[in-house]
Protein backbone atom coordinates (compact mmCIF):
# COMPACT_ATOMS: atom_id res chain seq x y z
CA MET A 1 -14.34 -6.36 -10.57
CA LYS A 2 -14.70 -3.40 -8.38
CA ARG A 3 -13.65 -0.09 -10.22
CA VAL A 4 -12.38 3.63 -8.44
CA PHE A 5 -11.95 6.64 -10.25
CA VAL A 6 -8.58 8.44 -9.00
CA ASP A 7 -8.90 12.01 -8.54
CA THR A 8 -5.45 14.30 -8.99
CA SER A 9 -6.23 15.40 -5.03
CA VAL A 10 -5.32 11.62 -3.98
CA TRP A 11 -2.56 11.31 -6.49
CA TYR A 12 -1.04 14.60 -5.15
CA ALA A 13 -1.31 13.46 -1.81
CA LEU A 14 0.25 9.97 -3.01
CA ALA A 15 3.17 11.76 -4.46
CA ASP A 16 4.11 13.89 -1.44
CA ARG A 17 4.55 12.32 1.69
CA LYS A 18 4.32 15.63 3.53
CA ASP A 19 0.88 16.46 1.98
CA PRO A 20 -1.52 16.09 5.42
CA ASP A 21 -3.55 13.52 3.26
CA HIS A 22 -0.54 11.83 2.29
CA ALA A 23 -1.18 8.59 4.77
CA ALA A 24 -4.77 8.49 4.00
CA ALA A 25 -4.41 8.50 0.42
CA ALA A 26 -1.70 5.40 0.65
CA LEU A 27 -3.90 3.45 2.73
CA CYS A 28 -7.22 3.76 0.59
CA LEU A 29 -5.30 2.68 -2.22
CA GLY A 30 -3.37 0.20 -1.10
CA GLN A 31 -6.34 -1.07 0.79
CA TRP A 32 -8.52 -0.96 -2.38
CA SER A 33 -9.13 -4.67 -4.01
CA GLY A 34 -10.32 -3.61 -7.48
CA ARG A 35 -9.17 -2.03 -10.36
CA LEU A 36 -7.77 1.71 -10.44
CA VAL A 37 -8.73 4.20 -13.35
CA THR A 38 -8.02 7.78 -14.06
CA SER A 39 -8.19 10.19 -17.29
CA ASN A 40 -5.64 11.73 -19.45
CA PHE A 41 -6.99 14.71 -18.05
CA VAL A 42 -6.10 13.86 -14.82
CA MET A 43 -2.94 13.17 -15.37
CA ASP A 44 -2.05 16.32 -17.16
CA GLU A 45 -3.32 17.84 -14.07
CA SER A 46 -1.53 15.77 -11.59
CA VAL A 47 1.77 16.12 -13.55
CA THR A 48 1.74 19.67 -14.08
CA LEU A 49 0.66 20.07 -9.85
CA ILE A 50 3.65 17.92 -9.01
CA ARG A 51 6.05 19.56 -11.01
CA TYR A 52 5.25 22.76 -9.55
CA ARG A 53 5.44 21.78 -5.81
CA LEU A 54 8.17 18.56 -6.04
CA GLY A 55 9.98 19.17 -8.98
CA LEU A 56 10.47 17.47 -12.21
CA ALA A 57 12.01 14.20 -10.99
CA ALA A 58 8.67 13.61 -9.03
CA ALA A 59 6.64 14.48 -11.65
CA ARG A 60 8.40 12.24 -14.47
CA THR A 61 8.25 9.25 -11.79
CA PHE A 62 4.26 9.58 -11.22
CA GLY A 63 3.73 10.21 -15.08
CA GLU A 64 5.93 6.97 -16.01
CA ALA A 65 3.72 4.90 -13.43
CA LEU A 66 0.78 6.25 -15.20
CA LEU A 67 1.66 5.67 -18.43
CA GLY A 68 2.84 2.32 -18.20
CA ALA A 69 -0.01 1.26 -16.49
CA SER A 70 1.33 0.15 -13.11
CA ALA A 71 -0.49 2.72 -11.39
CA ALA A 72 -3.95 2.73 -13.18
CA ARG A 73 -6.06 2.08 -16.08
CA MET A 74 -6.12 5.24 -18.07
CA VAL A 75 -9.67 5.92 -19.77
CA TRP A 76 -9.30 8.50 -22.37
CA ILE A 77 -11.66 11.89 -22.49
CA THR A 78 -13.52 11.33 -25.45
CA ARG A 79 -15.30 14.30 -27.40
CA ARG A 80 -18.99 13.67 -26.42
CA ASP A 81 -16.90 13.35 -22.84
CA GLU A 82 -15.85 17.23 -23.16
CA ARG A 83 -19.21 18.19 -24.45
CA ARG A 84 -20.73 16.69 -21.66
CA ALA A 85 -18.28 18.36 -19.11
CA TRP A 86 -18.81 21.72 -20.59
CA GLU A 87 -22.59 21.12 -19.77
CA ILE A 88 -21.60 20.31 -16.08
CA PHE A 89 -19.11 23.24 -15.96
CA SER A 90 -22.01 25.69 -17.09
CA ARG A 91 -25.14 24.29 -15.34
CA PHE A 92 -23.16 24.12 -11.92
CA ARG A 93 -22.72 28.01 -11.61
CA ASP A 94 -23.00 27.83 -7.67
CA LYS A 95 -19.81 25.05 -7.64
CA THR A 96 -16.61 25.67 -7.97
CA PHE A 97 -15.82 22.35 -10.39
CA SER A 98 -12.45 22.76 -12.16
CA TYR A 99 -13.08 21.74 -16.22
CA THR A 100 -10.96 18.63 -15.28
CA ASP A 101 -13.40 17.64 -12.73
CA CYS A 102 -16.24 17.87 -14.78
CA THR A 103 -13.94 15.58 -17.63
CA SER A 104 -13.65 13.34 -15.03
CA PHE A 105 -17.72 13.62 -13.76
CA ALA A 106 -18.53 12.81 -17.41
CA ALA A 107 -16.02 9.92 -18.11
CA MET A 108 -17.22 8.33 -14.93
CA GLU A 109 -20.91 8.54 -16.37
CA ARG A 110 -19.93 7.23 -19.49
CA LEU A 111 -17.99 4.47 -17.77
CA LYS A 112 -21.13 3.74 -15.12
CA LEU A 113 -18.41 4.47 -11.89
CA LYS A 114 -20.32 5.34 -9.01
CA VAL A 115 -17.00 5.87 -6.64
CA ALA A 116 -14.05 8.20 -6.97
CA ALA A 117 -11.10 8.46 -4.53
CA ALA A 118 -11.00 12.10 -4.36
CA ILE A 119 -9.61 14.30 -1.16
CA ASP A 120 -11.63 17.69 -2.12
CA GLY A 121 -15.38 17.99 -1.86
CA ASP A 122 -16.25 18.63 -5.60
CA PHE A 123 -16.74 15.02 -6.09
CA ARG A 124 -19.46 14.87 -3.49
CA ALA A 125 -20.58 18.03 -4.17
CA PHE A 126 -21.92 16.21 -7.14
CA GLY A 127 -23.36 13.23 -5.99
CA LEU A 128 -20.58 10.31 -5.84
CA GLU A 129 -19.62 8.56 -3.28
CA CYS A 130 -15.74 9.18 -2.27
CA LEU A 131 -12.68 7.59 -0.72
CA PRO A 132 -10.95 7.73 1.59
């Protein structure tokens, strides 16, 4: 089964109908025929961003969809992922990768995922194929 790792940038665009990337995010995830995968770190970042920008109700709706496994398979970041993330974070000094992005890269390496649903350029800059 095909799998795609979903980043905060896509989750947020999907949650915010006024976001300029909302339609592209909705179309991308709606047309994906495989499994959506995300991480507990991405959920943390997404729920926090949605709460600050869209309010508690929107954040709760989003969080409950992820925790209920109806939106995506939740992958938990391991200690090994965190160590690898810190290596990536420290090594790529010319990039502006967030630590959460680095945990995503590490988890994707562990899970052998090559495709991410991400709007910002960080996943591409790390060498991953990106949707939309």
